[in-house]
PDB file of N, CA and C in Angstrom:
ATOM      1  N   MET A   1      40.779  48.369  54.225  1.00  0.00           N
ATOM      2  CA  MET A   1      41.897  49.077  53.783  1.00  0.00           C
ATOM      3  C   MET A   1      41.448  50.586  53.572  1.00  0.00           C
ATOM      4  N   GLU A   2      42.246  51.395  54.075  1.00  0.00           N
ATOM      5  CA  GLU A   2      41.976  52.882  53.884  1.00  0.00           C
ATOM      6  C   GLU A   2      43.086  53.628  53.303  1.00  0.00           C
ATOM      7  N   LEU A   3      42.791  54.566  52.460  1.00  0.00           N
ATOM      8  CA  LEU A   3      43.895  55.470  51.852  1.00  0.00           C
ATOM      9  C   LEU A   3      44.145  56.664  52.775  1.00  0.00           C
ATOM     10  N   ALA A   4      45.366  56.897  53.037  1.00  0.00           N
ATOM     11  CA  ALA A   4      45.723  58.135  53.831  1.00  0.00           C
ATOM     12  C   ALA A   4      46.493  59.011  52.791  1.00  0.00           C
ATOM     13  N   ILE A   5      46.151  60.450  53.055  1.00  0.00           N
ATOM     14  CA  ILE A   5      46.900  61.305  52.158  1.00  0.00           C
ATOM     15  C   ILE A   5      47.171  62.370  53.192  1.00  0.00           C
ATOM     16  N   SER A   6      48.049  63.477  52.709  1.00  0.00           N
ATOM     17  CA  SER A   6      48.411  64.429  53.603  1.00  0.00           C
ATOM     18  C   SER A   6      48.572  65.864  52.875  1.00  0.00           C
ATOM     19  N   PHE A   7      48.793  66.908  53.650  1.00  0.00           N
ATOM     20  CA  PHE A   7      49.029  68.268  52.964  1.00  0.00           C
ATOM     21  C   PHE A   7      50.207  68.148  52.038  1.00  0.00           C
ATOM     22  N   VAL A   8      51.146  67.217  52.391  1.00  0.00           N
ATOM     23  CA  VAL A   8      52.401  67.143  51.553  1.00  0.00           C
ATOM     24  C   VAL A   8      51.990  66.637  50.168  1.00  0.00           C
ATOM     25  N   SER A   9      51.242  65.606  50.245  1.00  0.00           N
ATOM     26  CA  SER A   9      50.819  64.850  49.015  1.00  0.00           C
ATOM     27  C   SER A   9      49.912  65.953  48.054  1.00  0.00           C
ATOM     28  N   ARG A  10      49.050  66.597  48.820  1.00  0.00           N
ATOM     29  CA  ARG A  10      48.189  67.641  47.894  1.00  0.00           C
ATOM     30  C   ARG A  10      49.111  68.690  47.476  1.00  0.00           C
ATOM     31  N   PHE A  11      50.108  69.198  48.347  1.00  0.00           N
ATOM     32  CA  PHE A  11      51.004  70.159  47.644  1.00  0.00           C
ATOM     33  C   PHE A  11      51.776  69.691  46.424  1.00  0.00           C
ATOM     34  N   GLU A  12      52.329  68.511  46.668  1.00  0.00           N
ATOM     35  CA  GLU A  12      53.116  67.936  45.566  1.00  0.00           C
ATOM     36  C   GLU A  12      52.232  67.758  44.242  1.00  0.00           C
ATOM     37  N   ASN A  13      51.062  67.398  44.445  1.00  0.00           N
ATOM     38  CA  ASN A  13      50.188  67.210  43.224  1.00  0.00           C
ATOM     39  C   ASN A  13      49.984  68.529  42.646  1.00  0.00           C
ATOM     40  N   GLU A  14      49.640  69.611  43.408  1.00  0.00           N
ATOM     41  CA  GLU A  14      49.189  70.819  42.945  1.00  0.00           C
ATOM     42  C   GLU A  14      50.353  71.501  42.127  1.00  0.00           C
ATOM     43  N   ILE A  15      51.444  71.114  42.279  1.00  0.00           N
ATOM     44  CA  ILE A  15      52.602  71.601  41.434  1.00  0.00           C
ATOM     45  C   ILE A  15      53.128  70.757  40.282  1.00  0.00           C
ATOM     46  N   ASN A  16      52.304  69.659  40.131  1.00  0.00           N
ATOM     47  CA  ASN A  16      52.426  68.863  38.951  1.00  0.00           C
ATOM     48  C   ASN A  16      52.148  69.623  37.688  1.00  0.00           C
ATOM     49  N   PRO A  17      53.053  69.725  36.655  1.00  0.00           N
ATOM     50  CA  PRO A  17      52.827  70.570  35.523  1.00  0.00           C
ATOM     51  C   PRO A  17      51.941  69.935  34.592  1.00  0.00           C
ATOM     52  N   LYS A  18      51.617  68.536  34.683  1.00  0.00           N
ATOM     53  CA  LYS A  18      50.693  67.971  33.844  1.00  0.00           C
ATOM     54  C   LYS A  18      49.332  67.914  34.386  1.00  0.00           C
ATOM     55  N   GLN A  19      48.425  68.738  33.875  1.00  0.00           N
ATOM     56  CA  GLN A  19      47.146  68.885  34.280  1.00  0.00           C
ATOM     57  C   GLN A  19      46.432  67.724  34.231  1.00  0.00           C
ATOM     58  N   ASP A  20      46.421  66.724  33.222  1.00  0.00           N
ATOM     59  CA  ASP A  20      45.663  65.612  33.339  1.00  0.00           C
ATOM     60  C   ASP A  20      46.022  64.647  34.512  1.00  0.00           C
ATOM     61  N   ARG A  21      47.196  64.423  34.749  1.00  0.00           N
ATOM     62  CA  ARG A  21      47.768  63.799  35.874  1.00  0.00           C
ATOM     63  C   ARG A  21      47.441  64.500  37.157  1.00  0.00           C
ATOM     64  N   ARG A  22      47.506  65.702  37.273  1.00  0.00           N
ATOM     65  CA  ARG A  22      47.087  66.410  38.635  1.00  0.00           C
ATOM     66  C   ARG A  22      45.685  66.298  38.818  1.00  0.00           C
ATOM     67  N   GLU A  23      44.830  66.298  37.804  1.00  0.00           N
ATOM     68  CA  GLU A  23      43.403  66.219  37.986  1.00  0.00           C
ATOM     69  C   GLU A  23      43.050  64.663  38.401  1.00  0.00           C
ATOM     70  N   ALA A  24      43.700  63.830  37.720  1.00  0.00           N
ATOM     71  CA  ALA A  24      43.304  62.380  37.947  1.00  0.00           C
ATOM     72  C   ALA A  24      43.622  61.932  39.473  1.00  0.00           C
ATOM     73  N   ILE A  25      45.001  62.457  39.851  1.00  0.00           N
ATOM     74  CA  ILE A  25      45.401  62.191  41.335  1.00  0.00           C
ATOM     75  C   ILE A  25      44.534  63.040  42.285  1.00  0.00           C
ATOM     76  N   SER A  26      44.053  64.130  41.888  1.00  0.00           N
ATOM     77  CA  SER A  26      43.149  65.000  42.762  1.00  0.00           C
ATOM     78  C   SER A  26      41.895  64.078  43.001  1.00  0.00           C
ATOM     79  N   ASP A  27      41.367  63.610  41.962  1.00  0.00           N
ATOM     80  CA  ASP A  27      40.130  62.634  41.960  1.00  0.00           C
ATOM     81  C   ASP A  27      40.437  61.486  42.817  1.00  0.00           C
ATOM     82  N   PHE A  28      41.601  60.844  42.720  1.00  0.00           N
ATOM     83  CA  PHE A  28      41.980  59.822  43.539  1.00  0.00           C
ATOM     84  C   PHE A  28      42.031  60.022  45.035  1.00  0.00           C
ATOM     85  N   PHE A  29      42.602  61.293  45.404  1.00  0.00           N
ATOM     86  CA  PHE A  29      42.699  61.663  46.643  1.00  0.00           C
ATOM     87  C   PHE A  29      41.298  61.874  47.301  1.00  0.00           C
ATOM     88  N   ASN A  30      40.232  62.067  46.630  1.00  0.00           N
ATOM     89  CA  ASN A  30      38.961  62.193  46.995  1.00  0.00           C
ATOM     90  C   ASN A  30      38.416  60.854  47.767  1.00  0.00           C
ATOM     91  N   HIS A  31      39.051  59.697  47.538  1.00  0.00           N
ATOM     92  CA  HIS A  31      38.764  58.590  48.135  1.00  0.00           C
ATOM     93  C   HIS A  31      39.402  58.255  49.467  1.00  0.00           C
ATOM     94  N   ALA A  32      40.381  59.235  49.948  1.00  0.00           N
ATOM     95  CA  ALA A  32      41.077  59.019  51.109  1.00  0.00           C
ATOM     96  C   ALA A  32      39.976  59.204  52.344  1.00  0.00           C
ATOM     97  N   SER A  33      40.265  58.370  53.157  1.00  0.00           N
ATOM     98  CA  SER A  33      39.495  58.382  54.455  1.00  0.00           C
ATOM     99  C   SER A  33      40.312  58.959  55.662  1.00  0.00           C
ATOM    100  N   VAL A  34      41.678  59.176  55.624  1.00  0.00           N
ATOM    101  CA  VAL A  34      42.494  59.618  56.484  1.00  0.00           C
ATOM    102  C   VAL A  34      43.294  60.715  55.845  1.00  0.00           C
ATOM    103  N   TYR A  35      43.309  61.891  56.677  1.00  0.00           N
ATOM    104  CA  TYR A  35      44.108  63.066  56.139  1.00  0.00           C
ATOM    105  C   TYR A  35      44.930  63.617  57.239  1.00  0.00           C
ATOM    106  N   VAL A  36      46.238  63.836  57.042  1.00  0.00           N
ATOM    107  CA  VAL A  36      47.102  64.554  57.832  1.00  0.00           C
ATOM    108  C   VAL A  36      47.092  66.016  57.396  1.00  0.00           C
ATOM    109  N   SER A  37      46.661  66.918  58.189  1.00  0.00           N
ATOM    110  CA  SER A  37      46.501  68.387  57.859  1.00  0.00           C
ATOM    111  C   SER A  37      47.802  69.113  58.184  1.00  0.00           C
ATOM    112  N   SER A  38      47.957  70.302  57.663  1.00  0.00           N
ATOM    113  CA  SER A  38      49.187  71.226  57.740  1.00  0.00           C
ATOM    114  C   SER A  38      49.120  71.681  59.309  1.00  0.00           C
ATOM    115  N   GLU A  39      48.043  71.476  59.973  1.00  0.00           N
ATOM    116  CA  GLU A  39      47.974  71.925  61.397  1.00  0.00           C
ATOM    117  C   GLU A  39      49.074  71.129  62.283  1.00  0.00           C
ATOM    118  N   GLN A  40      49.386  69.951  61.608  1.00  0.00           N
ATOM    119  CA  GLN A  40      50.353  68.967  62.361  1.00  0.00           C
ATOM    120  C   GLN A  40      51.738  69.231  61.800  1.00  0.00           C
ATOM    121  N   LEU A  41      51.980  70.259  61.140  1.00  0.00           N
ATOM    122  CA  LEU A  41      53.205  70.631  60.659  1.00  0.00           C
ATOM    123  C   LEU A  41      54.487  70.376  61.542  1.00  0.00           C
ATOM    124  N   LYS A  42      54.380  70.840  62.622  1.00  0.00           N
ATOM    125  CA  LYS A  42      55.590  70.765  63.670  1.00  0.00           C
ATOM    126  C   LYS A  42      55.656  69.222  64.061  1.00  0.00           C
ATOM    127  N   GLN A  43      54.712  68.626  64.290  1.00  0.00           N
ATOM    128  CA  GLN A  43      54.808  67.047  64.477  1.00  0.00           C
ATOM    129  C   GLN A  43      55.538  66.488  63.366  1.00  0.00           C
ATOM    130  N   VAL A  44      55.011  66.659  62.070  1.00  0.00           N
ATOM    131  CA  VAL A  44      55.539  66.068  60.777  1.00  0.00           C
ATOM    132  C   VAL A  44      57.079  66.352  60.792  1.00  0.00           C
ATOM    133  N   GLU A  45      57.332  67.598  60.882  1.00  0.00           N
ATOM    134  CA  GLU A  45      58.719  68.046  60.634  1.00  0.00           C
ATOM    135  C   GLU A  45      59.635  67.362  61.596  1.00  0.00           C
ATOM    136  N   ALA A  46      59.087  67.324  62.943  1.00  0.00           N
ATOM    137  CA  ALA A  46      60.160  66.776  63.890  1.00  0.00           C
ATOM    138  C   ALA A  46      60.382  65.317  63.500  1.00  0.00           C
ATOM    139  N   LEU A  47      59.485  64.511  63.251  1.00  0.00           N
ATOM    140  CA  LEU A  47      59.589  63.167  62.709  1.00  0.00           C
ATOM    141  C   LEU A  47      60.389  63.065  61.533  1.00  0.00           C
ATOM    142  N   ALA A  48      60.081  63.886  60.470  1.00  0.00           N
ATOM    143  CA  ALA A  48      60.753  63.866  59.221  1.00  0.00           C
ATOM    144  C   ALA A  48      62.199  63.953  59.554  1.00  0.00           C
ATOM    145  N   LYS A  49      62.769  64.884  60.472  1.00  0.00           N
ATOM    146  CA  LYS A  49      64.192  64.920  60.874  1.00  0.00           C
ATOM    147  C   LYS A  49      64.815  63.638  61.292  1.00  0.00           C
ATOM    148  N   GLN A  50      64.080  62.863  62.116  1.00  0.00           N
ATOM    149  CA  GLN A  50      64.509  61.614  62.514  1.00  0.00           C
ATOM    150  C   GLN A  50      64.542  60.633  61.362  1.00  0.00           C
ATOM    151  N   ILE A  51      63.558  60.634  60.498  1.00  0.00           N
ATOM    152  CA  ILE A  51      63.603  59.818  59.359  1.00  0.00           C
ATOM    153  C   ILE A  51      64.780  60.231  58.409  1.00  0.00           C
ATOM    154  N   MET A  52      65.149  61.384  58.284  1.00  0.00           N
ATOM    155  CA  MET A  52      66.171  61.771  57.328  1.00  0.00           C
ATOM    156  C   MET A  52      67.519  61.148  57.858  1.00  0.00           C
ATOM    157  N   ALA A  53      67.783  60.939  59.273  1.00  0.00           N
ATOM    158  CA  ALA A  53      68.970  60.318  59.731  1.00  0.00           C
ATOM    159  C   ALA A  53      69.056  58.920  59.265  1.00  0.00           C
ATOM    160  N   MET A  54      68.088  58.325  58.445  1.00  0.00           N
ATOM    161  CA  MET A  54      68.152  57.058  57.931  1.00  0.00           C
ATOM    162  C   MET A  54      68.643  57.107  56.500  1.00  0.00           C
ATOM    163  N   GLY A  55      69.061  58.358  56.071  1.00  0.00           N
ATOM    164  CA  GLY A  55      69.553  58.545  54.739  1.00  0.00           C
ATOM    165  C   GLY A  55      68.456  58.748  53.755  1.00  0.00           C
ATOM    166  N   ILE A  56      67.265  59.254  54.207  1.00  0.00           N
ATOM    167  CA  ILE A  56      66.188  59.487  53.334  1.00  0.00           C
ATOM    168  C   ILE A  56      65.925  61.079  53.158  1.00  0.00           C
ATOM    169  N   LYS A  57      65.723  61.372  51.858  1.00  0.00           N
ATOM    170  CA  LYS A  57      65.585  62.950  51.531  1.00  0.00           C
ATOM    171  C   LYS A  57      64.399  63.597  52.267  1.00  0.00           C
ATOM    172  N   TRP A  58      64.406  64.880  52.336  1.00  0.00           N
ATOM    173  CA  TRP A  58      63.530  65.724  53.153  1.00  0.00           C
ATOM    174  C   TRP A  58      61.994  65.411  52.794  1.00  0.00           C
ATOM    175  N   LYS A  59      61.864  65.520  51.405  1.00  0.00           N
ATOM    176  CA  LYS A  59      60.375  65.398  50.823  1.00  0.00           C
ATOM    177  C   LYS A  59      59.879  64.034  51.127  1.00  0.00           C
ATOM    178  N   ASP A  60      60.687  62.959  50.962  1.00  0.00           N
ATOM    179  CA  ASP A  60      60.271  61.609  51.174  1.00  0.00           C
ATOM    180  C   ASP A  60      60.104  61.394  52.773  1.00  0.00           C
ATOM    181  N   ALA A  61      61.009  62.018  53.450  1.00  0.00           N
ATOM    182  CA  ALA A  61      60.800  61.927  54.915  1.00  0.00           C
ATOM    183  C   ALA A  61      59.486  62.593  55.414  1.00  0.00           C
ATOM    184  N   MET A  62      59.115  63.592  54.789  1.00  0.00           N
ATOM    185  CA  MET A  62      57.733  64.248  55.145  1.00  0.00           C
ATOM    186  C   MET A  62      56.616  63.466  54.827  1.00  0.00           C
ATOM    187  N   HIS A  63      56.737  62.623  53.687  1.00  0.00           N
ATOM    188  CA  HIS A  63      55.626  61.769  53.228  1.00  0.00           C
ATOM    189  C   HIS A  63      55.599  60.485  54.208  1.00  0.00           C
ATOM    190  N   LEU A  64      56.721  60.052  54.670  1.00  0.00           N
ATOM    191  CA  LEU A  64      56.882  59.020  55.610  1.00  0.00           C
ATOM    192  C   LEU A  64      56.329  59.313  56.891  1.00  0.00           C
ATOM    193  N   ALA A  65      56.659  60.565  57.312  1.00  0.00           N
ATOM    194  CA  ALA A  65      56.211  61.137  58.716  1.00  0.00           C
ATOM    195  C   ALA A  65      54.788  61.276  58.743  1.00  0.00           C
ATOM    196  N   CYS A  66      54.131  61.764  57.667  1.00  0.00           N
ATOM    197  CA  CYS A  66      52.691  61.725  57.562  1.00  0.00           C
ATOM    198  C   CYS A  66      52.086  60.473  57.543  1.00  0.00           C
ATOM    199  N   ALA A  67      52.677  59.516  56.932  1.00  0.00           N
ATOM    200  CA  ALA A  67      52.021  58.071  56.897  1.00  0.00           C
ATOM    201  C   ALA A  67      52.167  57.580  58.442  1.00  0.00           C
ATOM    202  N   ASN A  68      53.125  57.837  59.122  1.00  0.00           N
ATOM    203  CA  ASN A  68      53.297  57.341  60.406  1.00  0.00           C
ATOM    204  C   ASN A  68      52.320  58.120  61.397  1.00  0.00           C
ATOM    205  N   ILE A  69      52.176  59.458  61.324  1.00  0.00           N
ATOM    206  CA  ILE A  69      51.224  60.163  62.016  1.00  0.00           C
ATOM    207  C   ILE A  69      49.840  59.706  61.830  1.00  0.00           C
ATOM    208  N   SER A  70      49.508  59.252  60.640  1.00  0.00           N
ATOM    209  CA  SER A  70      48.005  58.987  60.260  1.00  0.00           C
ATOM    210  C   SER A  70      47.856  57.446  60.688  1.00  0.00           C
ATOM    211  N   GLY A  71      48.777  56.689  61.132  1.00  0.00           N
ATOM    212  CA  GLY A  71      48.479  55.248  61.692  1.00  0.00           C
ATOM    213  C   GLY A  71      48.606  54.332  60.582  1.00  0.00           C
ATOM    214  N   CYS A  72      49.124  54.662  59.367  1.00  0.00           N
ATOM    215  CA  CYS A  72      49.447  53.774  58.400  1.00  0.00           C
ATOM    216  C   CYS A  72      50.236  52.453  58.803  1.00  0.00           C
ATOM    217  N   GLU A  73      49.822  51.379  58.156  1.00  0.00           N
ATOM    218  CA  GLU A  73      50.656  50.178  58.335  1.00  0.00           C
ATOM    219  C   GLU A  73      51.662  50.060  57.182  1.00  0.00           C
ATOM    220  N   LEU A  74      51.268  50.381  55.947  1.00  0.00           N
ATOM    221  CA  LEU A  74      52.091  50.210  54.816  1.00  0.00           C
ATOM    222  C   LEU A  74      52.299  51.631  54.090  1.00  0.00           C
ATOM    223  N   PHE A  75      53.524  51.914  53.553  1.00  0.00           N
ATOM    224  CA  PHE A  75      53.745  52.908  52.716  1.00  0.00           C
ATOM    225  C   PHE A  75      54.380  52.405  51.503  1.00  0.00           C
ATOM    226  N   VAL A  76      53.487  52.467  50.423  1.00  0.00           N
ATOM    227  CA  VAL A  76      53.820  51.831  49.113  1.00  0.00           C
ATOM    228  C   VAL A  76      54.516  52.771  48.142  1.00  0.00           C
ATOM    229  N   THR A  77      55.736  52.410  47.778  1.00  0.00           N
ATOM    230  CA  THR A  77      56.556  53.182  46.898  1.00  0.00           C
ATOM    231  C   THR A  77      57.427  52.405  45.974  1.00  0.00           C
ATOM    232  N   THR A  78      57.696  53.105  44.873  1.00  0.00           N
ATOM    233  CA  THR A  78      58.638  52.412  43.932  1.00  0.00           C
ATOM    234  C   THR A  78      60.189  52.872  44.209  1.00  0.00           C
ATOM    235  N   ASP A  79      60.334  53.611  45.190  1.00  0.00           N
ATOM    236  CA  ASP A  79      61.739  54.140  45.596  1.00  0.00           C
ATOM    237  C   ASP A  79      62.531  53.111  46.323  1.00  0.00           C
ATOM    238  N   GLY A  80      63.446  52.442  45.758  1.00  0.00           N
ATOM    239  CA  GLY A  80      64.242  51.355  46.372  1.00  0.00           C
ATOM    240  C   GLY A  80      65.046  51.762  47.598  1.00  0.00           C
ATOM    241  N   LYS A  81      65.435  53.075  47.503  1.00  0.00           N
ATOM    242  CA  LYS A  81      66.254  53.460  48.697  1.00  0.00           C
ATOM    243  C   LYS A  81      65.363  53.607  49.897  1.00  0.00           C
ATOM    244  N   ILE A  82      64.164  54.108  49.732  1.00  0.00           N
ATOM    245  CA  ILE A  82      63.193  54.231  50.892  1.00  0.00           C
ATOM    246  C   ILE A  82      62.859  52.702  51.446  1.00  0.00           C
ATOM    247  N   ILE A  83      62.587  51.819  50.417  1.00  0.00           N
ATOM    248  CA  ILE A  83      62.305  50.482  50.913  1.00  0.00           C
ATOM    249  C   ILE A  83      63.521  49.716  51.664  1.00  0.00           C
ATOM    250  N   LYS A  84      64.800  50.096  51.259  1.00  0.00           N
ATOM    251  CA  LYS A  84      66.003  49.585  51.680  1.00  0.00           C
ATOM    252  C   LYS A  84      66.296  50.146  53.211  1.00  0.00           C
ATOM    253  N   ASN A  85      66.121  51.565  53.223  1.00  0.00           N
ATOM    254  CA  ASN A  85      66.655  52.243  54.406  1.00  0.00           C
ATOM    255  C   ASN A  85      65.678  52.459  55.478  1.00  0.00           C
ATOM    256  N   TYR A  86      64.383  52.625  55.222  1.00  0.00           N
ATOM    257  CA  TYR A  86      63.395  52.917  56.108  1.00  0.00           C
ATOM    258  C   TYR A  86      63.150  51.829  57.186  1.00  0.00           C
ATOM    259  N   LYS A  87      63.305  52.087  58.343  1.00  0.00           N
ATOM    260  CA  LYS A  87      62.977  51.146  59.473  1.00  0.00           C
ATOM    261  C   LYS A  87      62.184  51.786  60.329  1.00  0.00           C
ATOM    262  N   SER A  88      61.052  51.235  60.657  1.00  0.00           N
ATOM    263  CA  SER A  88      59.986  51.746  61.646  1.00  0.00           C
ATOM    264  C   SER A  88      59.202  50.481  62.295  1.00  0.00           C
ATOM    265  N   LYS A  89      58.973  50.649  63.514  1.00  0.00           N
ATOM    266  CA  LYS A  89      58.136  49.510  64.112  1.00  0.00           C
ATOM    267  C   LYS A  89      56.662  49.432  63.698  1.00  0.00           C
ATOM    268  N   GLY A  90      56.055  50.596  63.353  1.00  0.00           N
ATOM    269  CA  GLY A  90      54.745  50.603  62.953  1.00  0.00           C
ATOM    270  C   GLY A  90      54.499  50.737  61.549  1.00  0.00           C
ATOM    271  N   LEU A  91      55.368  51.015  60.684  1.00  0.00           N
ATOM    272  CA  LEU A  91      55.148  51.414  59.317  1.00  0.00           C
ATOM    273  C   LEU A  91      56.232  50.630  58.494  1.00  0.00           C
ATOM    274  N   ILE A  92      55.646  49.891  57.331  1.00  0.00           N
ATOM    275  CA  ILE A  92      56.465  49.195  56.509  1.00  0.00           C
ATOM    276  C   ILE A  92      56.432  49.830  55.132  1.00  0.00           C
ATOM    277  N   ALA A  93      57.623  50.094  54.687  1.00  0.00           N
ATOM    278  CA  ALA A  93      57.719  50.576  53.235  1.00  0.00           C
ATOM    279  C   ALA A  93      57.969  49.418  52.398  1.00  0.00           C
ATOM    280  N   CYS A  94      56.915  49.287  51.326  1.00  0.00           N
ATOM    281  CA  CYS A  94      57.020  48.109  50.323  1.00  0.00           C
ATOM    282  C   CYS A  94      56.828  48.549  49.090  1.00  0.00           C
ATOM    283  N   SER A  95      57.161  47.773  47.995  1.00  0.00           N
ATOM    284  CA  SER A  95      56.852  48.034  46.588  1.00  0.00           C
ATOM    285  C   SER A  95      55.463  47.696  46.338  1.00  0.00           C
ATOM    286  N   PRO A  96      54.896  48.166  45.179  1.00  0.00           N
ATOM    287  CA  PRO A  96      53.653  47.920  44.787  1.00  0.00           C
ATOM    288  C   PRO A  96      53.332  46.284  44.615  1.00  0.00           C
ATOM    289  N   VAL A  97      54.511  45.649  44.036  1.00  0.00           N
ATOM    290  CA  VAL A  97      54.384  44.324  43.754  1.00  0.00           C
ATOM    291  C   VAL A  97      54.384  43.571  45.103  1.00  0.00           C
ATOM    292  N   ALA A  98      54.960  43.964  46.130  1.00  0.00           N
ATOM    293  CA  ALA A  98      54.992  43.303  47.429  1.00  0.00           C
ATOM    294  C   ALA A  98      53.523  43.502  48.100  1.00  0.00           C
ATOM    295  N   PHE A  99      53.123  44.765  47.835  1.00  0.00           N
ATOM    296  CA  PHE A  99      51.779  45.121  48.353  1.00  0.00           C
ATOM    297  C   PHE A  99      50.588  44.207  47.876  1.00  0.00           C
ATOM    298  N   PHE A 100      50.655  44.010  46.516  1.00  0.00           N
ATOM    299  CA  PHE A 100      49.719  43.170  45.841  1.00  0.00           C
ATOM    300  C   PHE A 100      50.016  41.681  46.181  1.00  0.00           C
ATOM    301  N   ASP A 101      51.246  41.178  46.281  1.00  0.00           N
ATOM    302  CA  ASP A 101      51.426  39.868  46.609  1.00  0.00           C
ATOM    303  C   ASP A 101      50.830  39.611  47.941  1.00  0.00           C
ATOM    304  N   PHE A 102      50.952  40.404  48.934  1.00  0.00           N
ATOM    305  CA  PHE A 102      50.431  40.373  50.287  1.00  0.00           C
ATOM    306  C   PHE A 102      48.867  40.523  50.297  1.00  0.00           C
ATOM    307  N   TYR A 103      48.299  41.647  49.724  1.00  0.00           N
ATOM    308  CA  TYR A 103      46.945  41.907  49.678  1.00  0.00           C
ATOM    309  C   TYR A 103      46.145  41.521  48.675  1.00  0.00           C
ATOM    310  N   GLY A 104      46.670  41.132  47.544  1.00  0.00           N
ATOM    311  CA  GLY A 104      45.891  40.797  46.122  1.00  0.00           C
ATOM    312  C   GLY A 104      44.979  39.814  46.287  1.00  0.00           C
ATOM    313  N   GLY A 105      45.217  38.777  47.259  1.00  0.00           N
ATOM    314  CA  GLY A 105      44.193  37.619  47.347  1.00  0.00           C
ATOM    315  C   GLY A 105      43.320  37.780  48.510  1.00  0.00           C
ATOM    316  N   LYS A 106      43.328  38.818  49.267  1.00  0.00           N
ATOM    317  CA  LYS A 106      42.601  38.948  50.417  1.00  0.00           C
ATOM    318  C   LYS A 106      41.223  39.640  50.261  1.00  0.00           C
ATOM    319  N   GLU A 107      40.209  39.019  50.400  1.00  0.00           N
ATOM    320  CA  GLU A 107      38.877  39.637  50.130  1.00  0.00           C
ATOM    321  C   GLU A 107      38.416  40.710  51.206  1.00  0.00           C
ATOM    322  N   ASP A 108      39.117  40.524  52.308  1.00  0.00           N
ATOM    323  CA  ASP A 108      38.566  41.526  53.317  1.00  0.00           C
ATOM    324  C   ASP A 108      39.592  42.799  53.436  1.00  0.00           C
ATOM    325  N   ALA A 109      40.713  42.855  52.505  1.00  0.00           N
ATOM    326  CA  ALA A 109      41.553  43.981  52.596  1.00  0.00           C
ATOM    327  C   ALA A 109      40.846  45.209  52.067  1.00  0.00           C
TER     328      ALA A 109
END
């Protein structure tokens, strides 16, 4: 299992007004093995526009587009609207509970 992050994730974290959370998330990001850079902005924006057609907001669509581009299989979120509305052949949006139900007992995950 690998953690993927993006320039969108980093930007969103940088504007977090709570310094302790910002620093903790930044430390967490250091464990990422996959990164979608801003050099892929045009590709990300084009895919995000398609995702928005599913009723998903721009910022969320940007995160989903980055996850798609990075080759992720799962997008873990607590946003019920994303879980309900997002449909993709290669990327599944799921809740943290569903994620742990599936991967929690797997030693090779």
